[in-house]
C-alpha atoms as a PDB file:
ATOM      1  CA  MET A   1       3.921  24.601 -23.932  1.00  0.00           C
ATOM      2  CA  THR A   2       5.076  23.711 -20.399  1.00  0.00           C
ATOM      3  CA  GLN A   3       3.691  20.929 -18.218  1.00  0.00           C
ATOM      4  CA  ILE A   4       3.659  20.562 -14.441  1.00  0.00           C
ATOM      5  CA  LEU A   5       3.188  17.207 -12.740  1.00  0.00           C
ATOM      6  CA  VAL A   6       1.370  17.292  -9.398  1.00  0.00           C
ATOM      7  CA  THR A   7       1.243  14.086  -7.321  1.00  0.00           C
ATOM      8  CA  LEU A   8      -1.524  13.693  -4.725  1.00  0.00           C
ATOM      9  CA  ASN A   9      -1.859  10.966  -2.129  1.00  0.00           C
ATOM     10  CA  GLU A  10      -5.607  11.337  -1.577  1.00  0.00           C
ATOM     11  CA  ASP A  11      -8.334  10.912  -4.172  1.00  0.00           C
ATOM     12  CA  ALA A  12     -10.677  13.202  -2.225  1.00  0.00           C
ATOM     13  CA  THR A  13      -8.538  16.280  -2.884  1.00  0.00           C
ATOM     14  CA  THR A  14      -7.959  15.532  -6.558  1.00  0.00           C
ATOM     15  CA  LEU A  15     -11.128  17.244  -7.779  1.00  0.00           C
ATOM     16  CA  HIS A  16     -10.540  20.379  -5.699  1.00  0.00           C
ATOM     17  CA  VAL A  17      -6.897  20.735  -6.764  1.00  0.00           C
ATOM     18  CA  ARG A  18      -7.836  20.183 -10.392  1.00  0.00           C
ATOM     19  CA  LYS A  19     -10.510  22.892 -10.291  1.00  0.00           C
ATOM     20  CA  ALA A  20      -8.096  25.301  -8.571  1.00  0.00           C
ATOM     21  CA  ILE A  21      -5.454  24.701 -11.240  1.00  0.00           C
ATOM     22  CA  GLU A  22      -8.023  25.279 -14.006  1.00  0.00           C
ATOM     23  CA  LEU A  23      -8.734  28.726 -12.504  1.00  0.00           C
ATOM     24  CA  LEU A  24      -5.118  29.827 -13.013  1.00  0.00           C
ATOM     25  CA  ARG A  25      -4.439  32.121 -15.956  1.00  0.00           C
ATOM     26  CA  GLY A  26      -2.855  30.356 -18.907  1.00  0.00           C
ATOM     27  CA  VAL A  27      -3.982  26.827 -18.020  1.00  0.00           C
ATOM     28  CA  VAL A  28      -5.187  25.118 -21.190  1.00  0.00           C
ATOM     29  CA  SER A  29      -6.285  21.773 -19.764  1.00  0.00           C
ATOM     30  CA  THR A  30      -5.924  19.418 -16.821  1.00  0.00           C
ATOM     31  CA  THR A  31      -5.862  15.642 -16.870  1.00  0.00           C
ATOM     32  CA  VAL A  32      -5.970  13.123 -14.023  1.00  0.00           C
ATOM     33  CA  PHE A  33      -3.917   9.946 -14.350  1.00  0.00           C
ATOM     34  CA  LYS A  34      -4.133   7.056 -11.916  1.00  0.00           C
ATOM     35  CA  THR A  35      -0.945   5.192 -11.176  1.00  0.00           C
ATOM     36  CA  LYS A  36      -0.654   1.611 -12.320  1.00  0.00           C
ATOM     37  CA  ASP A  37      -0.343   0.414  -8.732  1.00  0.00           C
ATOM     38  CA  GLU A  38      -3.816   1.677  -7.856  1.00  0.00           C
ATOM     39  CA  SER A  39      -5.575   0.491 -10.984  1.00  0.00           C
ATOM     40  CA  ASN A  40      -3.916  -2.935 -11.110  1.00  0.00           C
ATOM     41  CA  LYS A  41      -4.127  -4.056  -7.469  1.00  0.00           C
ATOM     42  CA  LYS A  42      -7.092  -6.325  -8.153  1.00  0.00           C
ATOM     43  CA  THR A  43      -5.496  -7.740 -11.301  1.00  0.00           C
ATOM     44  CA  LEU A  44      -2.244  -8.443  -9.456  1.00  0.00           C
ATOM     45  CA  ARG A  45      -4.131 -10.245  -6.648  1.00  0.00           C
ATOM     46  CA  GLN A  46      -5.989 -12.329  -9.224  1.00  0.00           C
ATOM     47  CA  GLN A  47      -2.786 -13.216 -11.054  1.00  0.00           C
ATOM     48  CA  ALA A  48      -1.117 -14.252  -7.789  1.00  0.00           C
ATOM     49  CA  TYR A  49      -4.113 -16.438  -6.906  1.00  0.00           C
ATOM     50  CA  VAL A  50      -4.101 -18.135 -10.315  1.00  0.00           C
ATOM     51  CA  LYS A  51      -0.342 -18.705 -10.142  1.00  0.00           C
ATOM     52  CA  GLU A  52      -0.619 -20.261  -6.670  1.00  0.00           C
ATOM     53  CA  SER A  53      -3.530 -22.482  -7.769  1.00  0.00           C
ATOM     54  CA  LEU A  54      -1.673 -23.698 -10.847  1.00  0.00           C
ATOM     55  CA  GLU A  55       1.466 -24.427  -8.828  1.00  0.00           C
ATOM     56  CA  ARG A  56      -0.568 -26.492  -6.341  1.00  0.00           C
ATOM     57  CA  ALA A  57      -2.277 -28.405  -9.158  1.00  0.00           C
ATOM     58  CA  PHE A  58       1.049 -29.088 -10.868  1.00  0.00           C
ATOM     59  CA  ASP A  59       2.613 -30.281  -7.595  1.00  0.00           C
ATOM     60  CA  GLU A  60      -0.361 -32.585  -7.026  1.00  0.00           C
ATOM     61  CA  MET A  61       0.022 -34.022 -10.534  1.00  0.00           C
ATOM     62  CA  LYS A  62       3.747 -34.662 -10.008  1.00  0.00           C
ATOM     63  CA  GLN A  63       3.112 -36.350  -6.659  1.00  0.00           C
ATOM     64  CA  ALA A  64       0.337 -38.547  -8.111  1.00  0.00           C
ATOM     65  CA  ARG A  65       2.607 -39.569 -10.966  1.00  0.00           C
ATOM     66  CA  ARG A  66       5.401 -40.505  -8.523  1.00  0.00           C
ATOM     67  CA  GLU A  67       2.995 -42.531  -6.389  1.00  0.00           C
ATOM     68  CA  GLY A  68       1.443 -44.188  -9.440  1.00  0.00           C
ATOM     69  CA  ARG A  69      -2.094 -43.122  -8.597  1.00  0.00           C
ATOM     70  CA  LYS A  70      -4.695 -41.775 -11.007  1.00  0.00           C
ATOM     71  CA  LEU A  71      -6.075 -38.268 -10.578  1.00  0.00           C
ATOM     72  CA  GLN A  72      -9.808 -37.678 -10.487  1.00  0.00           C
ATOM     73  CA  SER A  73     -11.287 -36.553 -13.816  1.00  0.00           C
ATOM     74  CA  ALA A  74     -13.508 -33.498 -14.107  1.00  0.00           C
ATOM     75  CA  ASP A  75     -16.509 -35.719 -14.912  1.00  0.00           C
ATOM     76  CA  ASP A  76     -15.939 -37.812 -11.790  1.00  0.00           C
ATOM     77  CA  PHE A  77     -15.620 -34.635  -9.702  1.00  0.00           C
ATOM     78  CA  ILE A  78     -18.938 -33.276 -11.032  1.00  0.00           C
ATOM     79  CA  LYS A  79     -20.653 -36.603 -10.363  1.00  0.00           C
ATOM     80  CA  GLU A  80     -19.292 -36.567  -6.820  1.00  0.00           C
ATOM     81  CA  LEU A  81     -20.639 -33.041  -6.260  1.00  0.00           C
ATOM     82  CA  GLU A  82     -24.063 -34.010  -7.634  1.00  0.00           C
ATOM     83  CA  MET A  83     -24.202 -37.103  -5.424  1.00  0.00           C
ATOM     84  CA  ALA A  84     -23.290 -35.039  -2.356  1.00  0.00           C
ATOM     85  CA  ARG A  85     -25.989 -32.490  -3.218  1.00  0.00           C
ATOM     86  CA  LEU A  86     -28.587 -35.257  -3.659  1.00  0.00           C
ATOM     87  CA  ALA A  87     -27.532 -36.835  -0.364  1.00  0.00           C
ATOM     88  CA  ASP A  88     -27.967 -33.475   1.388  1.00  0.00           C
ATOM     89  CA  GLN A  89     -31.452 -33.083  -0.092  1.00  0.00           C
ATOM     90  CA  TRP A  90     -32.416 -36.637   0.900  1.00  0.00           C
ATOM     91  CA  ILE A  91     -31.267 -36.098   4.501  1.00  0.00           C
ATOM     92  CA  LYS A  92     -33.316 -32.896   4.829  1.00  0.00           C
END
């Protein structure tokens, strides 16, 4: 068995080229593979965002430790958000 690799730069033509290849005599099957770059763009953006967020958080922790100040706990942060929401409702 012999295989031929065809690379296309447009998704719109993929279906037409695939059907044309299937019409050729001797073609047993056709398969479409997406490159990793196309399928992982969203994942790579998410990983970069998480990495940047963690680096900022770590830098903030180091700076707070150097300055001798205490970081806000998650419970305190949630209470602060709830108080701000209640204040907004009271003002309206």
